[in-house]
Structures are given as structure tokens and as C-alpha cells.
PDB file of N, CA and C in Angstrom:
ATOM      1  N   MET A   1       0.840  -1.178  -0.015  1.00  0.00           N
ATOM      2  CA  MET A   1      -0.023  -0.002   0.034  1.00  0.00           C
ATOM      3  C   MET A   1       0.874   1.243  -0.003  1.00  0.00           C
ATOM      4  N   ALA A   2       0.649   2.130  -0.916  1.00  0.00           N
ATOM      5  CA  ALA A   2       1.451   3.343  -1.035  1.00  0.00           C
ATOM      6  C   ALA A   2       1.026   4.383  -0.061  1.00  0.00           C
ATOM      7  N   ASP A   3       1.958   5.246   0.380  1.00  0.00           N
ATOM      8  CA  ASP A   3       1.702   6.341   1.267  1.00  0.00           C
ATOM      9  C   ASP A   3       1.341   7.612   0.460  1.00  0.00           C
ATOM     10  N   VAL A   4       2.011   7.763  -0.754  1.00  0.00           N
ATOM     11  CA  VAL A   4       1.817   8.948  -1.530  1.00  0.00           C
ATOM     12  C   VAL A   4       1.593   8.574  -2.953  1.00  0.00           C
ATOM     13  N   ARG A   5       0.998   9.498  -3.698  1.00  0.00           N
ATOM     14  CA  ARG A   5       0.812   9.290  -5.138  1.00  0.00           C
ATOM     15  C   ARG A   5       1.505  10.437  -5.842  1.00  0.00           C
ATOM     16  N   ILE A   6       2.303  10.110  -6.830  1.00  0.00           N
ATOM     17  CA  ILE A   6       3.003  11.093  -7.681  1.00  0.00           C
ATOM     18  C   ILE A   6       2.436  11.124  -9.048  1.00  0.00           C
ATOM     19  N   TYR A   7       2.000  12.281  -9.524  1.00  0.00           N
ATOM     20  CA  TYR A   7       1.335  12.362 -10.793  1.00  0.00           C
ATOM     21  C   TYR A   7       1.551  13.760 -11.385  1.00  0.00           C
ATOM     22  N   ARG A   8       1.260  13.834 -12.676  1.00  0.00           N
ATOM     23  CA  ARG A   8       1.256  15.147 -13.390  1.00  0.00           C
ATOM     24  C   ARG A   8      -0.189  15.483 -13.709  1.00  0.00           C
ATOM     25  N   PRO A   9      -0.767  16.542 -13.242  1.00  0.00           N
ATOM     26  CA  PRO A   9      -2.183  16.835 -13.425  1.00  0.00           C
ATOM     27  C   PRO A   9      -2.557  17.083 -14.871  1.00  0.00           C
ATOM     28  N   ALA A  10      -3.729  16.659 -15.205  1.00  0.00           N
ATOM     29  CA  ALA A  10      -4.215  16.888 -16.568  1.00  0.00           C
ATOM     30  C   ALA A  10      -4.800  18.318 -16.682  1.00  0.00           C
ATOM     31  N   ARG A  11      -4.882  18.835 -17.856  1.00  0.00           N
ATOM     32  CA  ARG A  11      -5.457  20.224 -17.979  1.00  0.00           C
ATOM     33  C   ARG A  11      -6.954  20.111 -17.746  1.00  0.00           C
ATOM     34  N   THR A  12      -7.535  21.244 -17.400  1.00  0.00           N
ATOM     35  CA  THR A  12      -8.959  21.253 -17.107  1.00  0.00           C
ATOM     36  C   THR A  12      -9.778  21.276 -18.446  1.00  0.00           C
ATOM     37  N   ALA A  13     -10.948  20.788 -18.389  1.00  0.00           N
ATOM     38  CA  ALA A  13     -11.775  20.752 -19.586  1.00  0.00           C
ATOM     39  C   ALA A  13     -12.331  22.142 -19.935  1.00  0.00           C
ATOM     40  N   MET A  14     -12.234  23.096 -19.032  1.00  0.00           N
ATOM     41  CA  MET A  14     -12.790  24.426 -19.193  1.00  0.00           C
ATOM     42  C   MET A  14     -11.856  25.309 -19.948  1.00  0.00           C
ATOM     43  N   GLN A  15     -10.546  25.040 -19.973  1.00  0.00           N
ATOM     44  CA  GLN A  15      -9.548  25.878 -20.666  1.00  0.00           C
ATOM     45  C   GLN A  15      -8.638  25.036 -21.455  1.00  0.00           C
ATOM     46  N   SER A  16      -8.070  25.670 -22.458  1.00  0.00           N
ATOM     47  CA  SER A  16      -7.105  24.929 -23.323  1.00  0.00           C
ATOM     48  C   SER A  16      -5.686  25.089 -22.915  1.00  0.00           C
ATOM     49  N   GLY A  17      -5.403  25.935 -21.891  1.00  0.00           N
ATOM     50  CA  GLY A  17      -4.059  26.168 -21.455  1.00  0.00           C
ATOM     51  C   GLY A  17      -3.417  25.020 -20.758  1.00  0.00           C
ATOM     52  N   LEU A  18      -2.108  24.957 -20.764  1.00  0.00           N
ATOM     53  CA  LEU A  18      -1.370  23.851 -20.093  1.00  0.00           C
ATOM     54  C   LEU A  18      -0.514  24.312 -18.930  1.00  0.00           C
ATOM     55  N   ARG A  19      -0.762  25.515 -18.443  1.00  0.00           N
ATOM     56  CA  ARG A  19       0.120  26.110 -17.439  1.00  0.00           C
ATOM     57  C   ARG A  19       0.318  25.228 -16.229  1.00  0.00           C
ATOM     58  N   LYS A  20      -0.720  24.725 -15.650  1.00  0.00           N
ATOM     59  CA  LYS A  20      -0.567  24.017 -14.381  1.00  0.00           C
ATOM     60  C   LYS A  20      -0.386  22.515 -14.615  1.00  0.00           C
ATOM     61  N   THR A  21      -0.035  22.102 -15.785  1.00  0.00           N
ATOM     62  CA  THR A  21       0.147  20.662 -16.044  1.00  0.00           C
ATOM     63  C   THR A  21       1.610  20.298 -16.224  1.00  0.00           C
ATOM     64  N   ARG A  22       2.511  21.216 -16.155  1.00  0.00           N
ATOM     65  CA  ARG A  22       3.942  20.965 -16.399  1.00  0.00           C
ATOM     66  C   ARG A  22       4.646  20.385 -15.137  1.00  0.00           C
ATOM     67  N   ARG A  23       4.177  20.698 -14.025  1.00  0.00           N
ATOM     68  CA  ARG A  23       4.837  20.301 -12.758  1.00  0.00           C
ATOM     69  C   ARG A  23       4.214  18.971 -12.229  1.00  0.00           C
ATOM     70  N   TRP A  24       5.003  18.264 -11.469  1.00  0.00           N
ATOM     71  CA  TRP A  24       4.563  17.010 -10.842  1.00  0.00           C
ATOM     72  C   TRP A  24       4.048  17.257  -9.445  1.00  0.00           C
ATOM     73  N   ARG A  25       3.067  16.478  -9.045  1.00  0.00           N
ATOM     74  CA  ARG A  25       2.457  16.647  -7.686  1.00  0.00           C
ATOM     75  C   ARG A  25       2.694  15.378  -6.898  1.00  0.00           C
ATOM     76  N   LEU A  26       2.872  15.585  -5.633  1.00  0.00           N
ATOM     77  CA  LEU A  26       2.968  14.494  -4.659  1.00  0.00           C
ATOM     78  C   LEU A  26       1.820  14.718  -3.631  1.00  0.00           C
ATOM     79  N   GLU A  27       0.919  13.792  -3.573  1.00  0.00           N
ATOM     80  CA  GLU A  27      -0.164  13.997  -2.573  1.00  0.00           C
ATOM     81  C   GLU A  27      -0.285  12.748  -1.732  1.00  0.00           C
ATOM     82  N   PHE A  28      -0.581  12.982  -0.441  1.00  0.00           N
ATOM     83  CA  PHE A  28      -0.632  11.935   0.512  1.00  0.00           C
ATOM     84  C   PHE A  28      -1.981  11.230   0.395  1.00  0.00           C
ATOM     85  N   LEU A  29      -1.945   9.889   0.469  1.00  0.00           N
ATOM     86  CA  LEU A  29      -3.222   9.098   0.421  1.00  0.00           C
ATOM     87  C   LEU A  29      -3.784   8.930   1.789  1.00  0.00           C
ATOM     88  N   ALA A  30      -5.060   8.569   1.852  1.00  0.00           N
ATOM     89  CA  ALA A  30      -5.752   8.359   3.145  1.00  0.00           C
ATOM     90  C   ALA A  30      -5.143   7.217   3.942  1.00  0.00           C
ATOM     91  N   ARG A  31      -4.823   7.433   5.183  1.00  0.00           N
ATOM     92  CA  ARG A  31      -4.361   6.395   6.036  1.00  0.00           C
ATOM     93  C   ARG A  31      -5.446   5.892   6.987  1.00  0.00           C
ATOM     94  N   VAL A  32      -6.353   6.801   7.253  1.00  0.00           N
ATOM     95  CA  VAL A  32      -7.506   6.539   8.181  1.00  0.00           C
ATOM     96  C   VAL A  32      -8.753   6.614   7.347  1.00  0.00           C
ATOM     97  N   PRO A  33      -9.625   5.620   7.503  1.00  0.00           N
ATOM     98  CA  PRO A  33     -10.900   5.689   6.696  1.00  0.00           C
ATOM     99  C   PRO A  33     -11.756   6.866   7.116  1.00  0.00           C
ATOM    100  N   GLN A  34     -12.423   7.423   6.180  1.00  0.00           N
ATOM    101  CA  GLN A  34     -13.310   8.590   6.444  1.00  0.00           C
ATOM    102  C   GLN A  34     -14.575   8.110   7.082  1.00  0.00           C
ATOM    103  N   SER A  35     -15.193   9.006   7.898  1.00  0.00           N
ATOM    104  CA  SER A  35     -16.458   8.698   8.571  1.00  0.00           C
ATOM    105  C   SER A  35     -17.477   9.720   8.162  1.00  0.00           C
ATOM    106  N   VAL A  36     -18.722   9.348   8.325  1.00  0.00           N
ATOM    107  CA  VAL A  36     -19.835  10.265   8.001  1.00  0.00           C
ATOM    108  C   VAL A  36     -20.315  10.882   9.304  1.00  0.00           C
ATOM    109  N   GLU A  37     -20.339  12.232   9.298  1.00  0.00           N
ATOM    110  CA  GLU A  37     -20.753  12.952  10.455  1.00  0.00           C
ATOM    111  C   GLU A  37     -22.315  12.801  10.560  1.00  0.00           C
ATOM    112  N   THR A  38     -22.817  12.427  11.705  1.00  0.00           N
ATOM    113  CA  THR A  38     -24.260  12.061  11.837  1.00  0.00           C
ATOM    114  C   THR A  38     -25.229  13.160  11.657  1.00  0.00           C
ATOM    115  N   LEU A  39     -24.930  14.346  12.158  1.00  0.00           N
ATOM    116  CA  LEU A  39     -25.892  15.445  12.083  1.00  0.00           C
ATOM    117  C   LEU A  39     -26.106  15.991  10.687  1.00  0.00           C
ATOM    118  N   MET A  40     -25.023  16.347  10.033  1.00  0.00           N
ATOM    119  CA  MET A  40     -25.145  16.966   8.705  1.00  0.00           C
ATOM    120  C   MET A  40     -24.875  16.015   7.551  1.00  0.00           C
ATOM    121  N   GLY A  41     -24.313  14.850   7.822  1.00  0.00           N
ATOM    122  CA  GLY A  41     -23.964  13.881   6.793  1.00  0.00           C
ATOM    123  C   GLY A  41     -22.709  14.167   6.018  1.00  0.00           C
ATOM    124  N   TRP A  42     -21.875  15.104   6.568  1.00  0.00           N
ATOM    125  CA  TRP A  42     -20.623  15.447   5.880  1.00  0.00           C
ATOM    126  C   TRP A  42     -19.638  14.366   6.107  1.00  0.00           C
ATOM    127  N   THR A  43     -18.653  14.235   5.197  1.00  0.00           N
ATOM    128  CA  THR A  43     -17.585  13.296   5.340  1.00  0.00           C
ATOM    129  C   THR A  43     -16.495  13.940   6.163  1.00  0.00           C
ATOM    130  N   ALA A  44     -16.002  13.151   7.207  1.00  0.00           N
ATOM    131  CA  ALA A  44     -15.027  13.687   8.113  1.00  0.00           C
ATOM    132  C   ALA A  44     -13.799  12.719   8.169  1.00  0.00           C
ATOM    133  N   SER A  45     -12.665  13.256   8.498  1.00  0.00           N
ATOM    134  CA  SER A  45     -11.463  12.456   8.659  1.00  0.00           C
ATOM    135  C   SER A  45     -10.541  13.129   9.719  1.00  0.00           C
ATOM    136  N   ASN A  46      -9.824  12.302  10.450  1.00  0.00           N
ATOM    137  CA  ASN A  46      -8.882  12.870  11.434  1.00  0.00           C
ATOM    138  C   ASN A  46      -7.475  12.956  10.896  1.00  0.00           C
ATOM    139  N   ASP A  47      -7.315  12.511   9.641  1.00  0.00           N
ATOM    140  CA  ASP A  47      -5.964  12.514   9.011  1.00  0.00           C
ATOM    141  C   ASP A  47      -5.820  13.797   8.195  1.00  0.00           C
ATOM    142  N   THR A  48      -5.050  14.733   8.689  1.00  0.00           N
ATOM    143  CA  THR A  48      -4.849  16.035   7.999  1.00  0.00           C
ATOM    144  C   THR A  48      -3.812  15.901   6.881  1.00  0.00           C
ATOM    145  N   ALA A  49      -3.058  14.818   6.833  1.00  0.00           N
ATOM    146  CA  ALA A  49      -2.035  14.661   5.761  1.00  0.00           C
ATOM    147  C   ALA A  49      -2.680  14.589   4.391  1.00  0.00           C
ATOM    148  N   GLU A  50      -3.973  14.156   4.305  1.00  0.00           N
ATOM    149  CA  GLU A  50      -4.658  14.088   3.050  1.00  0.00           C
ATOM    150  C   GLU A  50      -4.777  15.451   2.369  1.00  0.00           C
ATOM    151  N   GLN A  51      -4.740  16.517   3.140  1.00  0.00           N
ATOM    152  CA  GLN A  51      -4.885  17.826   2.621  1.00  0.00           C
ATOM    153  C   GLN A  51      -3.577  18.387   2.047  1.00  0.00           C
ATOM    154  N   VAL A  52      -2.434  17.691   2.247  1.00  0.00           N
ATOM    155  CA  VAL A  52      -1.173  18.223   1.796  1.00  0.00           C
ATOM    156  C   VAL A  52      -0.850  17.768   0.383  1.00  0.00           C
ATOM    157  N   THR A  53      -0.554  18.716  -0.472  1.00  0.00           N
ATOM    158  CA  THR A  53      -0.149  18.464  -1.826  1.00  0.00           C
ATOM    159  C   THR A  53       1.094  19.245  -2.065  1.00  0.00           C
ATOM    160  N   MET A  54       2.182  18.546  -2.501  1.00  0.00           N
ATOM    161  CA  MET A  54       3.464  19.214  -2.797  1.00  0.00           C
ATOM    162  C   MET A  54       3.702  19.212  -4.305  1.00  0.00           C
ATOM    163  N   THR A  55       4.356  20.235  -4.772  1.00  0.00           N
ATOM    164  CA  THR A  55       4.666  20.406  -6.220  1.00  0.00           C
ATOM    165  C   THR A  55       6.135  20.342  -6.465  1.00  0.00           C
ATOM    166  N   PHE A  56       6.552  19.638  -7.532  1.00  0.00           N
ATOM    167  CA  PHE A  56       7.937  19.490  -7.874  1.00  0.00           C
ATOM    168  C   PHE A  56       8.134  19.773  -9.350  1.00  0.00           C
ATOM    169  N   PRO A  57       9.317  20.292  -9.738  1.00  0.00           N
ATOM    170  CA  PRO A  57       9.532  20.615 -11.155  1.00  0.00           C
ATOM    171  C   PRO A  57       9.621  19.439 -12.056  1.00  0.00           C
ATOM    172  N   ASN A  58      10.029  18.252 -11.529  1.00  0.00           N
ATOM    173  CA  ASN A  58      10.108  17.089 -12.388  1.00  0.00           C
ATOM    174  C   ASN A  58       9.833  15.816 -11.598  1.00  0.00           C
ATOM    175  N   ARG A  59       9.684  14.708 -12.273  1.00  0.00           N
ATOM    176  CA  ARG A  59       9.357  13.453 -11.655  1.00  0.00           C
ATOM    177  C   ARG A  59      10.460  12.930 -10.723  1.00  0.00           C
ATOM    178  N   ALA A  60      11.714  13.116 -11.123  1.00  0.00           N
ATOM    179  CA  ALA A  60      12.806  12.606 -10.402  1.00  0.00           C
ATOM    180  C   ALA A  60      12.908  13.252  -9.005  1.00  0.00           C
ATOM    181  N   SER A  61      12.635  14.536  -8.913  1.00  0.00           N
ATOM    182  CA  SER A  61      12.749  15.195  -7.622  1.00  0.00           C
ATOM    183  C   SER A  61      11.581  14.851  -6.699  1.00  0.00           C
ATOM    184  N   ALA A  62      10.445  14.509  -7.215  1.00  0.00           N
ATOM    185  CA  ALA A  62       9.326  14.015  -6.412  1.00  0.00           C
ATOM    186  C   ALA A  62       9.620  12.631  -5.859  1.00  0.00           C
ATOM    187  N   VAL A  63      10.206  11.791  -6.733  1.00  0.00           N
ATOM    188  CA  VAL A  63      10.556  10.433  -6.258  1.00  0.00           C
ATOM    189  C   VAL A  63      11.706  10.515  -5.240  1.00  0.00           C
ATOM    190  N   ARG A  64      12.641  11.401  -5.456  1.00  0.00           N
ATOM    191  CA  ARG A  64      13.769  11.546  -4.492  1.00  0.00           C
ATOM    192  C   ARG A  64      13.237  12.015  -3.133  1.00  0.00           C
ATOM    193  N   PHE A  65      12.252  12.907  -3.118  1.00  0.00           N
ATOM    194  CA  PHE A  65      11.673  13.336  -1.871  1.00  0.00           C
ATOM    195  C   PHE A  65      11.000  12.211  -1.164  1.00  0.00           C
ATOM    196  N   ALA A  66      10.219  11.391  -1.865  1.00  0.00           N
ATOM    197  CA  ALA A  66       9.519  10.291  -1.247  1.00  0.00           C
ATOM    198  C   ALA A  66      10.529   9.270  -0.703  1.00  0.00           C
ATOM    199  N   GLU A  67      11.581   8.989  -1.437  1.00  0.00           N
ATOM    200  CA  GLU A  67      12.564   7.994  -0.968  1.00  0.00           C
ATOM    201  C   GLU A  67      13.322   8.540   0.221  1.00  0.00           C
ATOM    202  N   THR A  68      13.663   9.819   0.207  1.00  0.00           N
ATOM    203  CA  THR A  68      14.428  10.428   1.332  1.00  0.00           C
ATOM    204  C   THR A  68      13.601  10.338   2.571  1.00  0.00           C
ATOM    205  N   HIS A  69      12.282  10.555   2.537  1.00  0.00           N
ATOM    206  CA  HIS A  69      11.478  10.556   3.708  1.00  0.00           C
ATOM    207  C   HIS A  69      10.892   9.173   4.028  1.00  0.00           C
ATOM    208  N   GLY A  70      11.296   8.177   3.337  1.00  0.00           N
ATOM    209  CA  GLY A  70      10.832   6.792   3.599  1.00  0.00           C
ATOM    210  C   GLY A  70       9.362   6.563   3.274  1.00  0.00           C
ATOM    211  N   LEU A  71       8.850   7.230   2.262  1.00  0.00           N
ATOM    212  CA  LEU A  71       7.454   7.111   1.892  1.00  0.00           C
ATOM    213  C   LEU A  71       7.359   6.110   0.742  1.00  0.00           C
ATOM    214  N   ARG A  72       6.373   5.175   0.836  1.00  0.00           N
ATOM    215  CA  ARG A  72       6.113   4.316  -0.313  1.00  0.00           C
ATOM    216  C   ARG A  72       5.263   5.130  -1.313  1.00  0.00           C
ATOM    217  N   TYR A  73       5.538   4.992  -2.551  1.00  0.00           N
ATOM    218  CA  TYR A  73       4.892   5.838  -3.591  1.00  0.00           C
ATOM    219  C   TYR A  73       4.423   5.030  -4.734  1.00  0.00           C
ATOM    220  N   GLU A  74       3.431   5.545  -5.436  1.00  0.00           N
ATOM    221  CA  GLU A  74       3.003   5.043  -6.706  1.00  0.00           C
ATOM    222  C   GLU A  74       2.988   6.166  -7.652  1.00  0.00           C
ATOM    223  N   ILE A  75       3.412   5.861  -8.923  1.00  0.00           N
ATOM    224  CA  ILE A  75       3.514   6.914  -9.946  1.00  0.00           C
ATOM    225  C   ILE A  75       2.409   6.710 -10.985  1.00  0.00           C
ATOM    226  N   ALA A  76       1.657   7.744 -11.244  1.00  0.00           N
ATOM    227  CA  ALA A  76       0.653   7.692 -12.294  1.00  0.00           C
ATOM    228  C   ALA A  76       1.188   8.497 -13.459  1.00  0.00           C
ATOM    229  N   ASP A  77       1.602   7.773 -14.521  1.00  0.00           N
ATOM    230  CA  ASP A  77       2.176   8.440 -15.696  1.00  0.00           C
ATOM    231  C   ASP A  77       1.112   9.155 -16.461  1.00  0.00           C
ATOM    232  N   PRO A  78       1.319  10.368 -16.980  1.00  0.00           N
ATOM    233  CA  PRO A  78       0.335  11.097 -17.707  1.00  0.00           C
ATOM    234  C   PRO A  78       0.031  10.457 -19.087  1.00  0.00           C
ATOM    235  N   ALA A  79      -1.198  10.581 -19.546  1.00  0.00           N
ATOM    236  CA  ALA A  79      -1.545  10.067 -20.838  1.00  0.00           C
ATOM    237  C   ALA A  79      -0.923  10.945 -21.947  1.00  0.00           C
ATOM    238  N   ASP A  80      -0.652  10.359 -23.063  1.00  0.00           N
ATOM    239  CA  ASP A  80      -0.087  11.131 -24.130  1.00  0.00           C
ATOM    240  C   ASP A  80      -1.130  12.074 -24.719  1.00  0.00           C
ATOM    241  N   GLN A  81      -0.733  13.270 -25.036  1.00  0.00           N
ATOM    242  CA  GLN A  81      -1.667  14.255 -25.541  1.00  0.00           C
ATOM    243  C   GLN A  81      -1.759  14.121 -27.067  1.00  0.00           C
ATOM    244  N   ARG A  82      -2.954  14.208 -27.570  1.00  0.00           N
ATOM    245  CA  ARG A  82      -3.188  14.186 -29.010  1.00  0.00           C
ATOM    246  C   ARG A  82      -2.831  15.519 -29.617  1.00  0.00           C
ATOM    247  N   PRO A  83      -2.225  15.527 -30.742  1.00  0.00           N
ATOM    248  CA  PRO A  83      -1.945  16.835 -31.348  1.00  0.00           C
ATOM    249  C   PRO A  83      -3.252  17.455 -31.860  1.00  0.00           C
ATOM    250  N   GLY A  84      -3.462  18.728 -31.614  1.00  0.00           N
ATOM    251  CA  GLY A  84      -4.675  19.422 -32.038  1.00  0.00           C
ATOM    252  C   GLY A  84      -4.566  19.827 -33.490  1.00  0.00           C
ATOM    253  N   GLN A  85      -5.606  20.519 -34.005  1.00  0.00           N
ATOM    254  CA  GLN A  85      -5.614  21.014 -35.344  1.00  0.00           C
ATOM    255  C   GLN A  85      -4.541  22.117 -35.432  1.00  0.00           C
ATOM    256  N   GLN A  86      -3.912  22.223 -36.572  1.00  0.00           N
ATOM    257  CA  GLN A  86      -2.798  23.117 -36.672  1.00  0.00           C
ATOM    258  C   GLN A  86      -3.283  24.570 -37.015  1.00  0.00           C
ATOM    259  N   THR A  87      -4.281  24.679 -37.877  1.00  0.00           N
ATOM    260  CA  THR A  87      -4.753  26.025 -38.315  1.00  0.00           C
ATOM    261  C   THR A  87      -6.268  26.030 -38.320  1.00  0.00           C
ATOM    262  N   TYR A  88      -6.790  27.186 -38.400  1.00  0.00           N
ATOM    263  CA  TYR A  88      -8.205  27.331 -38.545  1.00  0.00           C
ATOM    264  C   TYR A  88      -8.730  26.823 -39.844  1.00  0.00           C
ATOM    265  N   ALA A  89      -7.896  26.863 -40.906  1.00  0.00           N
ATOM    266  CA  ALA A  89      -8.252  26.375 -42.234  1.00  0.00           C
ATOM    267  C   ALA A  89      -8.461  24.831 -42.250  1.00  0.00           C
ATOM    268  N   ASP A  90      -7.837  24.129 -41.302  1.00  0.00           N
ATOM    269  CA  ASP A  90      -8.031  22.691 -41.221  1.00  0.00           C
ATOM    270  C   ASP A  90      -9.447  22.317 -40.974  1.00  0.00           C
ATOM    271  N   ASN A  91     -10.264  23.213 -40.411  1.00  0.00           N
ATOM    272  CA  ASN A  91     -11.654  22.926 -40.146  1.00  0.00           C
ATOM    273  C   ASN A  91     -12.436  22.789 -41.456  1.00  0.00           C
ATOM    274  N   PHE A  92     -11.953  23.372 -42.522  1.00  0.00           N
ATOM    275  CA  PHE A  92     -12.693  23.404 -43.813  1.00  0.00           C
ATOM    276  C   PHE A  92     -12.087  22.584 -44.874  1.00  0.00           C
ATOM    277  N   ARG A  93     -11.012  21.910 -44.600  1.00  0.00           N
ATOM    278  CA  ARG A  93     -10.410  21.038 -45.622  1.00  0.00           C
ATOM    279  C   ARG A  93     -11.237  19.767 -45.780  1.00  0.00           C
ATOM    280  N   PRO A  94     -11.325  19.248 -47.012  1.00  0.00           N
ATOM    281  CA  PRO A  94     -12.088  17.996 -47.172  1.00  0.00           C
ATOM    282  C   PRO A  94     -11.349  16.827 -46.454  1.00  0.00           C
ATOM    283  N   GLN A  95     -12.142  16.014 -45.839  1.00  0.00           N
ATOM    284  CA  GLN A  95     -11.534  14.875 -45.121  1.00  0.00           C
ATOM    285  C   GLN A  95     -11.311  13.735 -46.101  1.00  0.00           C
ATOM    286  N   SER A  96     -10.250  13.022 -45.992  1.00  0.00           N
ATOM    287  CA  SER A  96      -9.999  11.883 -46.824  1.00  0.00           C
ATOM    288  C   SER A  96     -10.833  10.661 -46.398  1.00  0.00           C
ATOM    289  N   PRO A  97     -11.465   9.942 -47.337  1.00  0.00           N
ATOM    290  CA  PRO A  97     -12.267   8.770 -46.922  1.00  0.00           C
ATOM    291  C   PRO A  97     -11.376   7.685 -46.367  1.00  0.00           C
ATOM    292  N   MET A  98     -11.845   6.993 -45.444  1.00  0.00           N
ATOM    293  CA  MET A  98     -11.058   5.948 -44.798  1.00  0.00           C
ATOM    294  C   MET A  98     -11.216   4.629 -45.540  1.00  0.00           C
TER     295      MET A  98
END
């Protein structure tokens, strides 16, 4: 069972920019199961480490941090990005039949 997860976030569906997708994140996984608060029905947890997210410039430095601190980690590799259309004129070019 891993203590932390190392990943590179995907871009949001609302914007086409890639600004916050270049860096790698290390986030702590839940060690204590969450409980449901009886009055309001909210989800509660006593583990505050779940709220910690650290950012690193590359994958190697995130892995080095986890190994230095004795944390077991799992790495989620990012999916390959499809190349988008190159120009606006590509929208109007005839498509070749398959």
C-alpha cells in the first residue's frame, strides 16, 4: 500500500491552457478511513495529511523526496496528448475517406 501518489495533473476541460500541467504533484493518500458525520452527513477524517499536496519541477525530484522521507509511492504516468488542429483552415479542408 502506497503512502503517496506522484502524478502530473491533466489540463482542465474548461480551458485549453497547459500552465498548471507541467509540474509533478505528490499527494498523501488516506491512512485513516473517512467517517460520516451524523448530524449533517458530511464526510470527516482525522488525518490532515490528506490535505497536503506538494509540487515538484520534475518526476525525479518528487521520487527523491519520497525516498528520502521513507514514503512508499505510486506513480501515475500522464496520458499522451493528441496533437490538435494546426490552423483554422483545417476545419474546412475536405476529409480523406477511410
